[in-house]
């Protein structure tokens, strides 16, 4: 009897097109779910009969209680090599192997700049006006050259964002709780004296931190109040790093010029979520890692992970 494999949240219905699954054809029945399961009960009803599940990034939480409800599950493949949405200890205790895949830093860097440039040049408002017969030229763009870009985090993604900012002629400064002057010098940026200094002096603030105890809620009401009223905030990292209610208030009251978001406290966003109608917001539905090259890597590695698991030698194991 063939094993059953489910691919979750395959919104674009491309999982089977982005990799060659034929080596598994004799061993696996593959089912791709293109919609998101809003509740754990819905998810369990859908995937309880499956032995293998492929999930993308952290779209679906897998806490211990969920593993208890999936006694047939034996292999969970998650794209990327870090995932805080999966209880790795619970998976191991219940005999579930968790494997990851390769991932590129380039797509989220590119989307960061798409959001930043879209904000700076009012692209959504101008494009909408052009298409609907609105006013010709209604905004005045914000120049990048000579402006200060403040980066929260200078890891793989943050450092690539920094290099693009430098190419635009921006002054680039960075801060994180463990950023050293040597690392800042290596990338060619200034190390801010502290978070408050970075927020108060930057014209654009972009978040590139991993989510953890130190970064959760890092930008709350007091921190957002430090930003210039002409400054923009971009977050393509994790929503929980920024207090969502405080950000909504800042946007509604015009205390910052705008925000570009690719991550949210609920994903997909409910139809009535206040972020959908927030003013001064340019938002995308968590597209940072959604690119052809990344998807080909994800699903090709998923096939490799399944093959290796079935051969008794799991690769890219996370737990």
Protein backbone atom coordinates (compact mmCIF):
# COMPACT_ATOMS: atom_id res chain seq x y z
CA UNK A 1 0.00 0.00 0.00
CA UNK A 2 1.29 3.48 -0.90
CA UNK A 3 2.00 6.07 1.75
CA UNK A 4 -0.08 9.25 1.65
CA UNK A 5 1.56 12.69 1.48
CA UNK A 6 -0.19 16.04 1.95
CA UNK A 7 1.15 19.42 0.84
CA UNK A 8 -0.39 22.21 2.91
CA UNK A 9 -1.26 25.75 1.84
CA UNK A 10 -0.21 25.30 -1.78
CA UNK A 11 -2.00 28.56 -2.58
CA UNK A 12 -0.71 28.84 -6.15
CA UNK A 13 -1.19 25.09 -6.81
CA UNK A 14 2.43 24.74 -7.96
CA UNK A 15 3.91 22.09 -5.66
CA UNK A 16 3.82 19.37 -8.30
CA UNK A 17 5.09 21.69 -11.05
CA UNK A 18 8.07 23.04 -9.10
CA UNK A 19 9.76 19.66 -8.59
CA UNK A 20 9.97 16.21 -10.14
CA UNK A 21 7.91 13.92 -7.92
CA UNK A 22 8.03 10.96 -10.33
CA UNK A 23 10.75 9.10 -8.35
CA UNK A 24 8.14 8.73 -5.60
CA UNK A 25 5.23 7.77 -7.84
CA UNK A 26 5.32 4.08 -6.91
CA UNK A 27 5.54 4.76 -3.17
CA UNK A 28 3.43 7.84 -2.60
CA UNK A 29 -0.05 9.20 -3.16
CA UNK A 30 0.32 13.00 -3.22
CA UNK A 31 -2.49 15.41 -2.37
CA UNK A 32 -2.03 19.19 -2.53
CA UNK A 33 -4.34 21.42 -0.48
CA UNK A 34 -4.62 24.89 -2.06
CA UNK A 35 -6.66 26.47 0.73
CA UNK A 36 -5.73 27.29 4.32
CA UNK A 37 -7.38 25.42 7.18
CA UNK A 38 -8.59 28.07 9.58
CA UNK A 39 -8.94 25.84 12.64
CA UNK A 40 -7.05 22.90 14.08
CA UNK A 41 -10.17 20.74 13.80
CA UNK A 42 -10.40 21.43 10.05
CA UNK A 43 -6.71 20.66 9.65
CA UNK A 44 -6.97 17.38 11.55
CA UNK A 45 -9.96 16.24 9.53
CA UNK A 46 -8.02 16.89 6.32
CA UNK A 47 -4.61 15.40 7.14
CA UNK A 48 -5.35 12.71 9.74
CA UNK A 49 -5.14 9.96 7.06
CA UNK A 50 -1.67 11.07 5.88
CA UNK A 51 1.72 9.60 6.76
CA UNK A 52 3.76 12.54 5.43
CA UNK A 53 3.01 16.28 5.49
CA UNK A 54 4.86 19.04 3.63
CA UNK A 55 4.32 22.51 5.09
CA UNK A 56 5.70 25.85 3.92
CA UNK A 57 7.70 27.95 6.36
CA UNK A 58 5.65 28.70 9.51
CA UNK A 59 2.22 28.93 7.91
CA UNK A 60 0.82 26.11 10.06
CA UNK A 61 1.67 25.71 13.77
CA UNK A 62 2.39 22.15 14.87
CA UNK A 63 2.14 22.17 18.70
CA UNK A 64 2.25 19.03 20.83
CA UNK A 65 -1.56 18.85 20.96
CA UNK A 66 -1.73 18.63 17.16
CA UNK A 67 0.80 15.81 17.00
CA UNK A 68 -1.36 13.92 19.51
CA UNK A 69 -4.25 14.10 17.06
CA UNK A 70 -2.19 12.82 14.11
CA UNK A 71 -1.12 9.32 15.18
CA UNK A 72 -0.41 8.25 11.60
CA UNK A 73 2.03 11.09 10.86
CA UNK A 74 5.63 9.94 10.54
CA UNK A 75 7.43 12.62 8.50
CA UNK A 76 6.95 16.41 8.52
CA UNK A 77 8.88 18.43 5.94
CA UNK A 78 9.04 22.20 6.48
CA UNK A 79 10.70 24.61 4.07
CA UNK A 80 13.78 26.34 5.42
CA UNK A 81 16.06 25.15 8.20
CA UNK A 82 14.49 27.03 11.11
CA UNK A 83 10.89 26.82 12.25
CA UNK A 84 9.50 28.10 15.55
CA UNK A 85 5.97 26.97 14.68
CA UNK A 86 6.81 23.27 15.14
CA UNK A 87 7.25 21.71 18.58
CA UNK A 88 10.37 19.74 17.73
CA UNK A 89 10.53 17.93 21.08
CA UNK A 90 6.90 16.82 20.82
CA UNK A 91 7.51 15.55 17.29
CA UNK A 92 10.52 13.53 18.39
CA UNK A 93 8.71 12.09 21.41
CA UNK A 94 5.89 10.89 19.15
CA UNK A 95 8.22 9.37 16.57
CA UNK A 96 7.76 12.07 13.92
CA UNK A 97 10.85 13.01 11.94
CA UNK A 98 11.04 16.70 10.97
CA UNK A 99 13.19 17.71 8.01
CA UNK A 100 13.93 21.07 6.42
CA UNK A 101 15.00 22.37 3.03
CA UNK A 102 17.37 24.90 1.57
CA UNK A 103 16.29 28.52 1.26
CA UNK A 104 17.61 31.67 -0.39
CA UNK A 105 17.94 35.06 1.31
CA UNK A 106 17.57 36.91 -1.98
CA UNK A 107 13.75 36.88 -2.43
CA UNK A 108 12.96 38.57 0.93
CA UNK A 109 15.66 41.16 0.23
CA UNK A 110 14.07 41.97 -3.11
CA UNK A 111 10.59 42.24 -1.58
CA UNK A 112 11.93 44.51 1.16
CA UNK A 113 13.09 46.92 -1.51
CA UNK A 114 9.84 46.57 -3.46
CA UNK A 115 7.95 47.71 -0.36
CA UNK A 116 10.40 50.45 0.52
CA UNK A 117 10.46 51.87 -2.99
CA UNK A 118 6.69 51.56 -3.29
CA UNK A 119 6.28 53.61 -0.13
CA UNK A 120 8.89 56.19 -1.08
CA UNK A 121 7.38 56.87 -4.50
CA UNK A 122 3.66 56.41 -3.71
CA UNK A 123 3.36 53.70 -6.35
CA UNK A 124 0.03 52.26 -5.25
CA UNK A 125 -1.73 55.63 -5.07
CA UNK A 126 -0.27 56.81 -8.37
CA UNK A 127 -0.98 53.55 -10.21
CA UNK A 128 -4.54 53.47 -8.90
CA UNK A 129 -5.13 57.09 -9.92
CA UNK A 130 -3.76 56.44 -13.41
CA UNK A 131 -6.00 53.41 -13.93
CA UNK A 132 -9.16 55.03 -12.55
CA UNK A 133 -8.88 58.46 -14.14
CA UNK A 134 -7.72 60.14 -10.96
CA UNK A 135 -5.37 63.11 -10.70
CA UNK A 136 -2.17 63.13 -12.72
CA UNK A 137 0.73 63.26 -10.23
CA UNK A 138 -0.75 63.58 -6.76
CA UNK A 139 2.28 62.67 -4.63
CA UNK A 140 5.83 63.94 -4.18
CA UNK A 141 8.33 61.11 -3.88
CA UNK A 142 10.74 60.70 -1.00
CA UNK A 143 14.36 60.61 -2.17
CA UNK A 144 16.58 57.76 -1.04
CA UNK A 145 20.00 59.23 -1.76
CA UNK A 146 21.31 60.98 1.33
CA UNK A 147 18.55 59.58 3.57
CA UNK A 148 19.23 57.28 6.49
CA UNK A 149 18.26 53.62 6.38
CA UNK A 150 18.13 51.97 9.82
CA UNK A 151 18.32 48.19 9.90
CA UNK A 152 17.22 46.10 12.84
CA UNK A 153 19.44 43.08 12.32
CA UNK A 154 22.50 42.64 10.12
CA UNK A 155 22.45 38.95 9.35
CA UNK A 156 22.29 37.41 5.88
CA UNK A 157 19.17 39.31 4.83
CA UNK A 158 19.94 42.55 6.66
CA UNK A 159 23.43 42.77 5.19
CA UNK A 160 22.11 42.30 1.64
CA UNK A 161 19.48 44.99 2.23
CA UNK A 162 22.29 47.23 3.52
CA UNK A 163 24.35 46.81 0.36
CA UNK A 164 21.41 47.87 -1.82
CA UNK A 165 20.87 50.91 0.40
CA UNK A 166 24.51 51.87 0.02
CA UNK A 167 24.17 51.51 -3.76
CA UNK A 168 21.29 54.01 -3.64
CA UNK A 169 23.58 56.45 -1.84
CA UNK A 170 21.85 56.10 1.51
CA UNK A 171 23.46 56.40 4.91
CA UNK A 172 22.99 52.95 6.43
CA UNK A 173 23.04 52.25 10.15
CA UNK A 174 22.24 49.02 11.94
CA UNK A 175 21.48 47.73 15.42
CA UNK A 176 20.75 44.48 17.18
CA UNK A 177 21.41 43.36 20.72
CA UNK A 178 24.45 41.36 19.62
CA UNK A 179 25.73 43.42 16.69
CA UNK A 180 29.45 44.15 16.93
CA UNK A 181 31.35 47.05 15.40
CA UNK A 182 33.46 44.51 13.51
CA UNK A 183 30.36 43.08 11.80
CA UNK A 184 29.06 46.57 10.94
CA UNK A 185 32.47 47.53 9.53
CA UNK A 186 32.55 44.33 7.49
CA UNK A 187 29.24 45.23 5.80
CA UNK A 188 30.27 48.88 5.47
CA UNK A 189 27.57 50.41 7.67
CA UNK A 190 27.46 52.43 10.87
CA UNK A 191 26.66 50.66 14.13
CA UNK A 192 23.96 52.60 15.95
CA UNK A 193 24.63 53.35 19.60
CA UNK A 194 21.29 51.81 20.53
CA UNK A 195 17.77 51.04 19.38
CA UNK A 196 16.48 54.46 20.44
CA UNK A 197 19.20 56.18 18.42
CA UNK A 198 18.42 54.16 15.30
CA UNK A 199 14.69 54.82 15.50
CA UNK A 200 15.04 58.54 16.17
CA UNK A 201 17.50 59.24 13.35
CA UNK A 202 16.37 56.95 10.51
CA UNK A 203 14.18 57.95 7.57
CA UNK A 204 13.46 54.30 6.81
CA UNK A 205 13.51 51.50 9.40
CA UNK A 206 13.58 47.91 8.14
CA UNK A 207 13.23 44.85 10.39
CA UNK A 208 15.45 41.81 9.79
CA UNK A 209 15.59 40.03 13.14
CA UNK A 210 14.79 36.44 14.01
CA UNK A 211 11.81 36.10 16.33
CA UNK A 212 12.79 35.18 19.88
CA UNK A 213 12.40 36.25 23.47
CA UNK A 214 14.58 39.33 22.96
CA UNK A 215 12.89 40.50 19.76
CA UNK A 216 9.23 39.73 20.48
CA UNK A 217 7.40 43.05 20.95
CA UNK A 218 10.65 44.95 20.46
CA UNK A 219 8.88 47.86 18.76
CA UNK A 220 6.03 48.92 21.01
CA UNK A 221 4.25 52.26 21.52
CA UNK A 222 7.27 53.94 23.13
CA UNK A 223 9.65 52.81 20.41
CA UNK A 224 7.35 53.77 17.52
CA UNK A 225 6.92 57.19 19.15
CA UNK A 226 10.64 57.78 18.67
CA UNK A 227 10.37 57.59 14.88
CA UNK A 228 10.20 60.74 12.80
CA UNK A 229 6.72 61.63 11.52
CA UNK A 230 8.28 61.53 8.03
CA UNK A 231 9.81 58.06 8.52
CA UNK A 232 8.66 54.72 7.13
CA UNK A 233 8.72 51.27 8.78
CA UNK A 234 9.19 48.09 6.73
CA UNK A 235 8.75 44.62 8.24
CA UNK A 236 9.39 41.50 6.16
CA UNK A 237 10.62 39.48 9.14
CA UNK A 238 8.03 38.49 11.76
CA UNK A 239 4.89 40.38 12.77
CA UNK A 240 5.36 39.75 16.49
CA UNK A 241 8.52 41.89 16.55
CA UNK A 242 6.27 44.95 16.14
CA UNK A 243 3.30 45.62 18.43
CA UNK A 244 0.47 45.44 15.89
CA UNK A 245 -1.99 47.59 17.84
CA UNK A 246 0.66 50.26 18.40
CA UNK A 247 1.54 50.25 14.71
CA UNK A 248 -2.12 50.57 13.69
CA UNK A 249 -2.49 53.54 16.02
CA UNK A 250 0.63 55.21 14.61
CA UNK A 251 -0.65 54.77 11.05
CA UNK A 252 -4.15 55.99 11.82
CA UNK A 253 -2.90 59.04 13.70
CA UNK A 254 -0.24 59.89 11.12
CA UNK A 255 2.60 59.64 13.62
CA UNK A 256 4.74 57.93 10.98
CA UNK A 257 4.62 58.49 7.24
CA UNK A 258 3.75 54.90 6.44
CA UNK A 259 4.58 51.22 6.75
CA UNK A 260 5.32 48.34 4.40
CA UNK A 261 4.32 44.95 5.79
CA UNK A 262 4.64 41.41 4.51
CA UNK A 263 3.95 39.65 7.82
CA UNK A 264 0.91 39.71 10.10
CA UNK A 265 -0.29 38.41 13.46
CA UNK A 266 -2.83 36.21 11.64
CA UNK A 267 -2.13 34.61 8.27
CA UNK A 268 -4.06 34.60 6.06
CA UNK A 269 -5.54 37.86 7.29
CA UNK A 270 -9.26 37.60 8.12
CA UNK A 271 -11.45 39.63 5.79
CA UNK A 272 -12.32 42.07 8.55
CA UNK A 273 -8.80 42.46 9.97
CA UNK A 274 -8.00 46.15 10.60
CA UNK A 275 -4.70 45.88 8.74
CA UNK A 276 -6.65 45.45 5.50
CA UNK A 277 -8.00 49.00 5.74
CA UNK A 278 -5.22 50.77 7.63
CA UNK A 279 -4.15 54.10 6.11
CA UNK A 280 -0.56 54.74 5.00
CA UNK A 281 0.02 51.00 4.64
CA UNK A 282 1.52 49.11 1.71
CA UNK A 283 0.97 45.42 2.42
CA UNK A 284 1.64 42.10 0.71
CA UNK A 285 0.42 38.60 1.75
CA UNK A 286 3.73 37.20 3.09
CA UNK A 287 5.42 37.02 -0.30
CA UNK A 288 8.98 37.50 0.96
CA UNK A 289 10.10 33.95 0.25
CA UNK A 290 7.56 33.25 -2.52
CA UNK A 291 9.64 33.15 -5.68
CA UNK A 292 10.17 30.59 -8.43
CA UNK A 293 13.74 29.79 -7.40
CA UNK A 294 12.82 29.36 -3.74
CA UNK A 295 9.82 27.19 -4.53
CA UNK A 296 11.89 24.97 -6.79
CA UNK A 297 14.40 24.55 -3.98
CA UNK A 298 11.70 23.89 -1.37
CA UNK A 299 9.85 21.21 -3.28
CA UNK A 300 12.93 19.58 -4.82
CA UNK A 301 14.41 19.23 -1.34
CA UNK A 302 11.06 17.98 -0.04
CA UNK A 303 11.22 15.15 -2.59
CA UNK A 304 14.81 14.43 -1.52
CA UNK A 305 13.81 14.48 2.17
CA UNK A 306 11.02 11.97 1.55
CA UNK A 307 13.27 9.72 -0.52
CA UNK A 308 15.97 9.74 2.15
CA UNK A 309 13.45 9.07 4.92
CA UNK A 310 11.98 6.11 3.05
CA UNK A 311 15.52 4.80 2.53
CA UNK A 312 16.11 4.94 6.27
CA UNK A 313 18.61 7.80 6.24
CA UNK A 314 16.83 11.15 6.79
CA UNK A 315 18.60 14.29 5.59
CA UNK A 316 18.32 17.92 6.74
CA UNK A 317 16.78 16.66 9.98
CA UNK A 318 15.58 19.40 12.34
CA UNK A 319 14.69 17.29 15.39
